[in-house]
Every structure is written in structure tokens, then in C-alpha cells.
Protein backbone atom coordinates (compact mmCIF):
# COMPACT_ATOMS: atom_id res chain seq x y z
CA MET A 1 -49.35 -23.66 5.83
CA SER A 2 -47.55 -24.66 2.70
CA GLU A 3 -44.25 -26.29 3.55
CA ALA A 4 -42.87 -29.16 1.48
CA VAL A 5 -43.60 -32.51 3.06
CA SER A 6 -40.50 -34.15 4.53
CA PRO A 7 -39.26 -37.51 3.24
CA PHE A 8 -39.32 -38.71 6.86
CA LYS A 9 -42.49 -40.68 7.45
CA ALA A 10 -44.80 -38.83 9.82
CA PRO A 11 -46.79 -40.78 12.42
CA GLU A 12 -50.31 -41.57 11.34
CA LEU A 13 -52.39 -39.12 13.33
CA VAL A 14 -55.41 -38.66 11.07
CA GLY A 15 -58.62 -38.79 13.10
CA SER A 16 -56.94 -38.61 16.49
CA ILE A 17 -58.16 -36.09 19.07
CA ILE A 18 -55.48 -33.84 20.57
CA GLY A 19 -55.90 -32.16 23.92
CA GLY A 20 -59.53 -33.24 23.99
CA LYS A 21 -60.38 -30.39 21.56
CA TYR A 22 -58.70 -30.75 18.18
CA ARG A 23 -59.21 -33.45 15.55
CA VAL A 24 -56.27 -34.10 13.21
CA VAL A 25 -57.40 -33.99 9.56
CA ARG A 26 -54.41 -34.33 7.22
CA LEU A 27 -50.68 -33.74 6.90
CA ILE A 28 -50.00 -30.46 5.08
CA GLY A 29 -46.29 -29.78 5.54
CA SER A 30 -43.02 -30.48 7.23
CA GLY A 31 -40.19 -28.34 8.54
CA GLY A 32 -36.81 -29.00 10.05
CA MET A 33 -38.07 -30.01 13.46
CA GLY A 34 -41.79 -30.61 13.09
CA ASN A 35 -44.68 -31.79 10.95
CA VAL A 36 -47.70 -29.57 10.37
CA TRP A 37 -51.20 -30.97 10.15
CA GLU A 38 -54.54 -29.44 9.35
CA GLY A 39 -56.97 -29.83 12.22
CA SER A 40 -60.35 -28.66 13.40
CA HIS A 41 -61.87 -27.74 16.74
CA VAL A 42 -64.14 -30.63 17.74
CA LYS A 43 -67.06 -28.45 18.89
CA LEU A 44 -66.59 -25.22 16.93
CA GLY A 45 -65.39 -26.70 13.65
CA THR A 46 -62.72 -23.99 13.37
CA ARG A 47 -59.79 -24.88 11.11
CA VAL A 48 -56.42 -24.87 12.84
CA ALA A 49 -52.85 -25.89 12.10
CA ILE A 50 -51.28 -28.36 14.53
CA LYS A 51 -47.50 -28.64 14.59
CA PHE A 52 -46.01 -31.77 16.17
CA ILE A 53 -42.36 -32.23 16.96
CA LYS A 54 -40.85 -34.97 14.79
CA GLN A 55 -40.47 -38.33 16.49
CA GLN A 56 -36.69 -38.38 16.05
CA PHE A 57 -36.48 -35.19 18.16
CA ALA A 58 -39.19 -36.00 20.68
CA GLN A 59 -36.77 -37.38 23.26
CA GLN A 60 -34.12 -34.67 22.86
CA SER A 61 -34.34 -32.12 25.65
CA GLU A 62 -32.82 -29.36 23.52
CA ALA A 63 -35.32 -29.91 20.70
CA ARG A 64 -38.24 -29.97 23.12
CA ALA A 65 -37.00 -26.76 24.74
CA ARG A 66 -36.85 -25.07 21.34
CA PHE A 67 -40.34 -26.30 20.53
CA GLU A 68 -41.63 -24.77 23.74
CA ILE A 69 -39.81 -21.50 23.04
CA GLU A 70 -41.51 -21.33 19.64
CA ALA A 71 -44.90 -21.65 21.30
CA ARG A 72 -44.16 -19.07 24.00
CA ALA A 73 -42.55 -16.59 21.63
CA ALA A 74 -45.41 -16.64 19.13
CA ALA A 75 -48.01 -16.51 21.91
CA ARG A 76 -46.45 -13.31 23.28
CA LEU A 77 -46.94 -11.39 20.05
CA GLN A 78 -50.30 -9.68 19.94
CA THR A 79 -50.21 -8.58 16.31
CA LYS A 80 -51.98 -9.67 13.15
CA HIS A 81 -48.57 -9.83 11.46
CA ALA A 82 -47.37 -12.89 13.38
CA VAL A 83 -48.93 -16.34 13.38
CA GLN A 84 -51.32 -16.71 16.31
CA VAL A 85 -50.86 -19.57 18.80
CA HIS A 86 -54.01 -20.98 20.37
CA ASP A 87 -52.70 -23.86 22.48
CA TYR A 88 -49.66 -25.89 23.49
CA GLY A 89 -49.35 -29.31 25.07
CA VAL A 90 -48.11 -32.90 24.84
CA SER A 91 -50.10 -35.66 23.16
CA ASP A 92 -50.88 -39.02 24.78
CA ASP A 93 -48.02 -40.45 22.71
CA GLY A 94 -45.58 -37.97 24.22
CA LEU A 95 -45.33 -35.64 21.23
CA PRO A 96 -45.29 -31.90 22.05
CA TYR A 97 -47.64 -29.92 19.82
CA ILE A 98 -48.56 -26.31 19.05
CA VAL A 99 -52.03 -25.32 17.85
CA MET A 100 -51.93 -22.27 15.57
CA GLU A 101 -54.21 -20.34 13.28
CA PHE A 102 -54.67 -21.98 9.88
CA LEU A 103 -53.10 -19.90 7.12
CA LYS A 104 -53.93 -20.05 3.42
CA GLY A 105 -51.50 -18.55 0.96
CA GLU A 106 -47.81 -18.89 0.23
CA SER A 107 -44.46 -17.99 1.70
CA LEU A 108 -42.43 -15.11 0.32
CA SER A 109 -39.98 -17.75 -0.91
CA GLU A 110 -42.71 -19.46 -2.94
CA ALA A 111 -43.85 -16.11 -4.33
CA ILE A 112 -40.30 -15.29 -5.49
CA ILE A 113 -39.89 -18.71 -7.12
CA ALA A 114 -43.21 -18.33 -8.95
CA ARG A 115 -42.96 -14.67 -9.93
CA GLY A 116 -39.29 -13.77 -9.87
CA SER A 117 -38.50 -10.28 -8.57
CA LEU A 118 -41.53 -8.55 -7.07
CA PRO A 119 -42.56 -4.93 -7.75
CA PRO A 120 -40.65 -2.55 -5.44
CA THR A 121 -43.79 -0.95 -4.02
CA GLU A 122 -45.20 -4.38 -3.12
CA VAL A 123 -41.93 -5.35 -1.47
CA ALA A 124 -41.87 -2.11 0.52
CA ILE A 125 -45.40 -2.74 1.82
CA LEU A 126 -44.84 -6.37 2.75
CA ILE A 127 -41.54 -5.53 4.47
CA ALA A 128 -43.36 -2.78 6.38
CA GLN A 129 -45.89 -5.34 7.62
CA ALA A 130 -43.16 -7.77 8.61
CA SER A 131 -41.43 -4.89 10.40
CA ARG A 132 -44.53 -4.26 12.52
CA ALA A 133 -44.36 -7.80 13.85
CA LEU A 134 -40.62 -7.54 14.32
CA ALA A 135 -40.97 -4.29 16.26
CA LYS A 136 -43.50 -5.97 18.55
CA ALA A 137 -41.20 -8.97 19.00
CA HIS A 138 -38.20 -6.83 19.90
CA ALA A 139 -40.28 -4.76 22.32
CA ALA A 140 -41.34 -8.03 23.98
CA GLY A 141 -37.71 -9.18 24.23
CA ILE A 142 -37.97 -11.74 21.41
CA VAL A 143 -35.35 -12.18 18.68
CA HIS A 144 -36.52 -14.34 15.78
CA ARG A 145 -32.99 -15.40 14.66
CA ASP A 146 -34.14 -17.14 11.47
CA LEU A 147 -35.82 -14.52 9.32
CA LYS A 148 -35.83 -15.64 5.70
CA PRO A 149 -38.35 -15.66 2.84
CA ASP A 150 -39.58 -19.11 3.96
CA ASN A 151 -40.66 -17.60 7.29
CA ILE A 152 -42.45 -14.56 5.87
CA PHE A 153 -45.91 -15.86 4.99
CA LEU A 154 -48.32 -14.06 2.65
CA ALA A 155 -51.66 -15.16 4.08
CA THR A 156 -54.67 -14.77 1.81
CA SER A 157 -57.05 -12.15 3.18
CA ASP A 158 -60.70 -11.37 2.43
CA GLU A 159 -59.86 -7.69 2.83
CA ARG A 160 -57.04 -5.82 1.15
CA ILE A 161 -54.35 -4.91 3.67
CA ASP A 162 -52.35 -1.82 2.69
CA GLY A 163 -53.54 -2.39 -0.87
CA LEU A 164 -52.37 -6.03 -0.98
CA PRO A 165 -54.60 -9.13 -1.30
CA TYR A 166 -52.75 -10.78 1.56
CA VAL A 167 -51.54 -10.02 5.06
CA VAL A 168 -47.91 -10.68 5.98
CA LYS A 169 -47.27 -12.93 8.96
CA LEU A 170 -43.98 -13.98 10.52
CA VAL A 171 -43.90 -17.70 11.25
CA ASP A 172 -41.58 -20.34 12.71
CA PHE A 173 -40.09 -18.97 15.92
CA GLY A 174 -38.47 -22.38 16.46
CA ILE A 175 -34.99 -20.98 17.20
CA ALA A 176 -36.09 -17.67 18.69
CA LYS A 177 -34.34 -16.19 21.68
CA ILE A 178 -36.44 -14.77 24.50
CA LEU A 179 -34.39 -12.13 26.26
CA GLY A 180 -34.38 -12.38 30.03
CA ASP A 181 -35.95 -15.85 30.24
CA THR A 182 -34.63 -19.30 30.92
CA PRO A 183 -35.83 -22.00 28.53
CA ASN A 184 -38.52 -23.10 30.97
CA GLY A 185 -39.52 -19.57 31.90
CA SER A 186 -38.33 -19.90 35.49
CA GLY A 187 -36.55 -16.56 35.58
CA PRO A 188 -34.04 -14.21 34.05
CA SER A 189 -30.79 -15.56 32.70
CA GLY A 190 -29.60 -13.19 29.99
CA LEU A 191 -30.32 -14.67 26.59
CA GLY A 192 -32.79 -17.46 27.16
CA GLY A 193 -32.63 -20.50 24.91
CA PRO A 194 -30.82 -23.80 24.54
CA THR A 195 -28.10 -22.70 22.10
CA LEU A 196 -24.60 -23.76 23.09
CA GLU A 197 -21.85 -21.15 22.92
CA GLY A 198 -20.17 -21.13 19.51
CA THR A 199 -23.10 -22.85 17.79
CA VAL A 200 -24.36 -21.36 14.53
CA ILE A 201 -28.11 -21.90 14.17
CA GLY A 202 -30.21 -20.49 11.36
CA THR A 203 -30.04 -20.15 7.59
CA PRO A 204 -26.56 -18.86 6.64
CA ASN A 205 -27.72 -17.03 3.47
CA PHE A 206 -29.80 -14.72 5.65
CA MET A 207 -27.70 -14.56 8.81
CA ALA A 208 -25.80 -11.48 9.99
CA PRO A 209 -21.97 -11.62 10.00
CA GLU A 210 -21.76 -11.60 13.79
CA GLN A 211 -24.00 -14.68 13.96
CA LEU A 212 -21.72 -16.60 11.61
CA THR A 213 -18.42 -15.55 13.13
CA MET A 214 -19.26 -15.52 16.82
CA GLY A 215 -22.37 -17.68 17.05
CA GLY A 216 -24.93 -17.48 19.83
CA SER A 217 -25.00 -13.67 19.87
CA PRO A 218 -28.36 -12.70 18.37
CA GLY A 219 -30.06 -9.38 18.92
CA ALA A 220 -32.53 -7.02 17.32
CA LEU A 221 -29.94 -5.77 14.83
CA THR A 222 -29.28 -9.30 13.56
CA ASP A 223 -32.98 -9.63 12.76
CA LEU A 224 -32.86 -6.31 10.89
CA TRP A 225 -29.87 -7.52 8.88
CA SER A 226 -31.84 -10.63 7.91
CA LEU A 227 -34.83 -8.53 6.89
CA GLY A 228 -32.53 -6.49 4.65
CA ALA A 229 -31.33 -9.72 3.02
CA CYS A 230 -34.95 -10.83 2.50
CA THR A 231 -35.64 -7.50 0.80
CA PHE A 232 -32.71 -8.11 -1.57
CA ALA A 233 -34.15 -11.51 -2.52
CA ALA A 234 -37.64 -10.11 -3.12
CA MET A 235 -36.32 -7.22 -5.23
CA THR A 236 -33.98 -9.31 -7.38
CA GLY A 237 -35.34 -12.85 -7.31
CA ARG A 238 -31.91 -14.03 -6.18
CA LEU A 239 -30.20 -14.93 -2.92
CA PRO A 240 -28.05 -12.07 -1.64
CA PHE A 241 -25.22 -14.44 -0.66
CA GLU A 242 -25.03 -17.60 -2.75
CA GLY A 243 -22.68 -20.53 -2.36
CA GLU A 244 -22.60 -24.31 -2.61
CA MET A 245 -20.58 -24.72 0.57
CA LEU A 246 -21.08 -23.11 3.97
CA GLY A 247 -17.57 -21.64 3.79
CA ASP A 248 -18.40 -19.85 0.53
CA ILE A 249 -21.50 -18.28 2.05
CA VAL A 250 -19.66 -17.22 5.22
CA LEU A 251 -16.92 -15.60 3.15
CA LYS A 252 -19.43 -13.60 1.10
CA VAL A 253 -21.41 -12.52 4.16
CA CYS A 254 -18.40 -11.57 6.25
CA ALA A 255 -15.64 -10.40 3.92
CA ALA A 256 -16.43 -10.06 0.21
CA PRO A 257 -17.81 -6.76 -1.17
CA LEU A 258 -21.54 -6.57 -0.55
CA PRO A 259 -23.66 -7.23 -3.64
CA LEU A 260 -25.63 -4.38 -5.21
CA PRO A 261 -29.28 -5.14 -6.04
CA SER A 262 -29.23 -2.88 -9.12
CA ARG A 263 -26.65 -5.12 -10.81
CA LEU A 264 -29.16 -7.97 -10.79
CA ASN A 265 -32.23 -5.84 -11.49
CA PRO A 266 -31.45 -2.55 -13.25
CA ASN A 267 -35.09 -1.46 -12.99
CA LEU A 268 -34.93 -0.94 -9.24
CA PRO A 269 -35.51 2.55 -7.84
CA ALA A 270 -32.57 4.87 -7.30
CA GLY A 271 -31.35 4.71 -3.73
CA LEU A 272 -32.00 1.00 -3.17
CA ASP A 273 -28.30 0.11 -3.36
CA ALA A 274 -27.53 2.65 -0.64
CA TRP A 275 -30.47 1.38 1.41
CA PHE A 276 -29.22 -2.22 1.18
CA LEU A 277 -25.65 -1.29 2.06
CA ARG A 278 -26.95 0.31 5.23
CA ALA A 279 -29.48 -2.42 6.08
CA CYS A 280 -26.79 -5.12 5.76
CA SER A 281 -23.78 -3.17 6.96
CA ARG A 282 -21.23 -5.40 8.67
CA ASP A 283 -20.97 -2.75 11.39
CA PRO A 284 -24.15 -3.05 13.49
CA ALA A 285 -23.85 0.63 14.52
CA ARG A 286 -24.28 1.70 10.88
CA ARG A 287 -27.43 -0.33 10.27
CA PHE A 288 -30.96 0.86 10.72
CA GLN A 289 -31.46 0.72 14.46
CA THR A 290 -35.17 -0.16 14.54
CA ALA A 291 -37.56 -2.11 12.35
CA ASP A 292 -39.67 1.00 11.87
CA GLU A 293 -36.69 3.03 10.65
CA LEU A 294 -35.79 0.29 8.17
CA ALA A 295 -39.34 0.06 6.81
CA GLN A 296 -39.87 3.82 6.56
CA SER A 297 -36.62 4.26 4.66
CA LEU A 298 -37.46 1.48 2.22
CA ALA A 299 -40.89 2.98 1.64
CA GLY A 300 -39.28 6.28 0.76
CA VAL A 301 -36.81 4.72 -1.66
CA CYS A 302 -39.72 2.97 -3.40
CA GLY A 303 -41.70 6.19 -3.76
CA ILE A 304 -44.27 5.62 -1.04
CA SER A 305 -43.02 8.46 1.19
CA HIS A 306 -40.08 10.82 1.52
CA LEU A 307 -36.89 10.18 3.47
CA ARG A 308 -33.17 10.72 3.86
CA VAL A 309 -30.96 7.71 3.11
CA ALA A 310 -27.27 7.88 4.06
CA THR A 311 -24.69 5.77 2.28
CA LEU A 312 -21.79 4.10 4.05
CA ASP A 313 -19.60 7.14 3.26
CA GLU A 314 -20.48 9.68 5.92
CA ASP A 315 -19.97 12.61 3.54
CA GLN A 316 -22.42 11.29 0.96
CA VAL A 317 -26.17 11.57 1.41
CA ARG A 318 -28.75 10.51 -1.12
CA TYR A 319 -32.15 12.16 -1.04
CA VAL A 320 -35.08 10.34 -2.59
CA MET A 321 -38.50 11.96 -2.65
CA ARG A 322 -41.77 11.32 -4.42
CA PRO A 323 -44.00 14.14 -5.72
CA MET A 324 -46.27 15.29 -2.94
CA ALA A 325 -49.99 14.78 -3.44
CA ASP A 326 -52.51 17.46 -2.56
CA SER A 327 -53.57 15.43 0.45
CA ASP A 328 -50.08 15.21 1.93
CA ASP A 329 -49.89 16.71 5.40
CA LEU A 330 -47.13 19.29 5.19
CA ASP A 331 -46.05 21.50 8.05
CA GLU A 332 -45.84 24.48 5.71
CA PRO A 333 -46.43 25.15 2.00
CA LEU A 334 -43.55 25.30 -0.44
CA PRO A 335 -43.22 28.51 -2.53
CA PRO A 336 -42.52 28.20 -6.27
CA ASN A 337 -38.74 28.33 -5.80
CA GLY A 338 -38.88 25.12 -3.73
CA MET A 339 -37.87 26.74 -0.39
CA SER A 340 -40.06 26.55 2.65
CA ALA A 341 -41.56 29.77 4.00
CA ARG A 342 -39.20 29.71 6.98
CA THR A 343 -36.16 29.27 4.75
CA ALA A 344 -37.30 32.07 2.42
CA LEU A 345 -37.78 34.44 5.38
CA LEU A 346 -34.30 33.72 6.74
CA ALA A 347 -32.78 34.19 3.31
CA GLY A 348 -34.55 37.56 2.97
CA LEU A 349 -33.29 38.76 6.33
CA VAL A 350 -29.72 37.77 5.53
CA LEU A 351 -29.90 39.53 2.15
CA GLY A 352 -31.35 42.69 3.72
CA ILE A 353 -28.64 42.85 6.38
CA ALA A 354 -25.96 42.33 3.73
CA MET A 355 -27.35 45.19 1.64
CA MET A 356 -27.50 47.52 4.66
CA VAL A 357 -23.90 46.77 5.60
CA GLY A 358 -22.88 47.42 2.00
CA VAL A 359 -24.57 50.86 1.90
CA LEU A 360 -23.04 51.95 5.21
CA GLY A 361 -19.63 50.81 4.05
CA PHE A 362 -19.97 52.81 0.82
CA LEU A 363 -20.94 56.00 2.68
CA ALA A 364 -17.99 55.66 5.04
CA TRP A 365 -15.62 55.16 2.13
CA ARG A 366 -17.05 58.17 0.31
CA ASN A 367 -16.53 60.47 3.33
CA ARG A 368 -12.90 59.37 3.68
CA THR A 369 -12.11 60.01 0.04
CA THR A 370 -13.60 63.56 -0.24
CA SER A 371 -11.04 65.83 -2.14
CA PRO A 372 -9.06 68.63 -0.24
CA THR A 373 -10.05 71.27 -2.85
CA GLU A 374 -13.66 70.49 -2.29
CA SER A 375 -13.12 70.84 1.41
CA SER A 376 -11.32 74.24 1.22
CA GLU A 377 -13.95 75.69 -1.05
CA HIS A 378 -16.56 74.75 1.45
CA ASN A 379 -14.56 76.47 4.24
CA GLN A 380 -13.93 79.86 2.42
CA PRO A 381 -15.81 82.83 3.97
CA VAL A 382 -18.52 84.20 1.75
CA ALA A 383 -17.83 87.79 0.53
CA PRO A 384 -20.64 90.24 1.11
CA SER A 385 -22.42 91.07 -2.07
CA ARG A 386 -22.26 94.59 -3.43
CA ALA A 387 -25.28 96.56 -4.30
CA SER A 388 -25.53 97.59 -7.89
CA PRO A 389 -24.53 101.20 -8.59
């Protein structure tokens, strides 16, 4: 885990044994609410990451509840695209801790700082992997609530995953909401979690408008909005909504015209502006409604597959397609004119019927306009022929 170490002095835990199984090795990072240490399993020697709540929060019931929610939320997700939780407990000194898999690599935020804007195809693939974890989380009733490049980790992998040298993992479920649970898991109570009504919790640059204006109303569509904002940052190397003061950021998120990625990076694929306007629409009903839909659409825009992307104007539709490879699984072959066989057949039938109607109409018109002279000649009796003298 590669977070910047906090200026707050962490307790000296090196060499201590936690939960009778894990030896603390060294401090490797610090977040808003906890410090992260490298550790190892005493008997197996397996490397782990151990996150302790910071001492200044250890006695706060709300902070401890959030820490427990992080452990429970991550433990529910059975996917390689979310950090795996191995254990949870409280140390002899009264510090709650979470034991997680040890990750090597960098966050998406660090990758953007080091490399600037990332290639669109790479972004589409990593967002697709993040979407798999998000889909699992939403299916399990978990809303992350703080999706941002810092919490999308690119973990080094010995095997290439979807063509990338890393596997994407969502981390830090510290302010997650678990739908249908109370903070202590005792039973259903709507949106579980310790957030007070009207409280805004998260990173404003990547928070949906409804989170900033109403507070305490997270849902699956707010996570999707945040993932759209993360995509903007990865594609452009810039924050989607910048500002020195919270009020500036809120104004840009909630009221100002939405930024267009192509204005910051003119080399982006056609259709990305329309994709972003839909992903981060201020009207939740106009956003992508599932993580899979968002990822599939982005893949199409970036040339990995084909799709239909609608803009905010209902009468405008942008189609973006890549050339089909020979191995593509098509329902039916396309004839040279670009129409499918079914479409060509229907067009032929319509044309044939039109021609038949035209012929019948012409014959009827011709019968009605036959001249009277022609008619009387046809009705004259035929004189008997005379024999030659």
C-alpha cells in the first residue's frame, strides 16, 4: 500500500504481535483515519497489510463504527478487484485493526501524477475492472461513497490481466454505506452507517451533486458518478472539478456547465464527451444505471467494442464502432452494402410490393383512358367477305 505517511506520529508497533498471528514489520502509509503497516503471519510468513485506527480517533464511537464498516464491507466482496480482508480485531492497547492482503503497485492517482493522461484503451480496461468490483458491491448492498483515483489501486501482478501488467483493486471502504444494516450489524435500518443527516463525507472533487447538496443520501448511482469523474481524471490528467475552496468545487459540480474532456486532451476518441456528460449527468435518471453499462459504453467509445452512446439531448445519438475482426461473434454476416441480411430481405420485399402496386395502378389508368373511337371500331360488326368473281 503506498499512501503518504501522515505527519501525525504513529505509535511504535514494530515487532509487536497482533491477534496472536501477525507480526508488525514497518509503517508504510497513512490515511485520514488510520495508519497502514506491513506485517507478516507468524507461522506462514505471508506478507499482509495491517491498518490501525489512529490514536486520536480510537476513543470516538463514530470513528470506530466506520472502521468496523470498512472491514465488514471489504470482507463481503468476493472479487479479485477489491482488497481482500483476512481479519479484524482490537489490539491489547485498544486499537481496532484490519488485516488485509499486501498490495504492491501504485494508486491511479499516483499513476496520473507520474504519467499524465493515460491511453484511452488502458483507462477503459482499468475502469472495466473497477466496475466489476463496484457491481459486486452494489449487488451486496454496499455503496463505496468515496471513489476517487486514490482509492483505485493498480496492484502489480505476475500475470497480465486483460492485457495490463496490474490488476485493479478498489480500496478504502472507510466511509462505505451498507444498505439494510445497522452499524453493528444487528439488523436492518435503511442506510446503515454513522453519518449524521446533512453531513457531507467524501472527496468533493469526485462526489455526485446530490451528495454535496443533500448530504447523507448515497446510492449506487452516486458511485457511478464518481467513477465517471475518475475516468475524466485518467483521460485528461486533470481534476474534473477544480477549486481552492469547497464552495468553488460545489458550484462547479452542481451548477456550472460540465467540463468536456476533449478540451483538455484533444486526442481523445470521438464520443468521450458524450459519454462523460451521461456518466456525470446531474439527473441520476440520465446516468448509466449500472456499473456494467458504464464500463461497456466506455469500452465502445475507446474502440474495444461497439455500442450506442446517447447524448443529453434525446434527439441526438452518437454511434461509435470499431472495425470488426474476423473472430467477432456476429449474429449474421453483413453484405457489401453494410445492411444485415434481415434488413436487406425486408427492403427487397418492400420494393417488390411497391413495384407491383405501381404496375396495377398503371393498368387501371390505361383502361380508364382508352379512346371512344378505338372502342367503337372494336364494336363494329364485321362484314362478310365477298368471293372473288
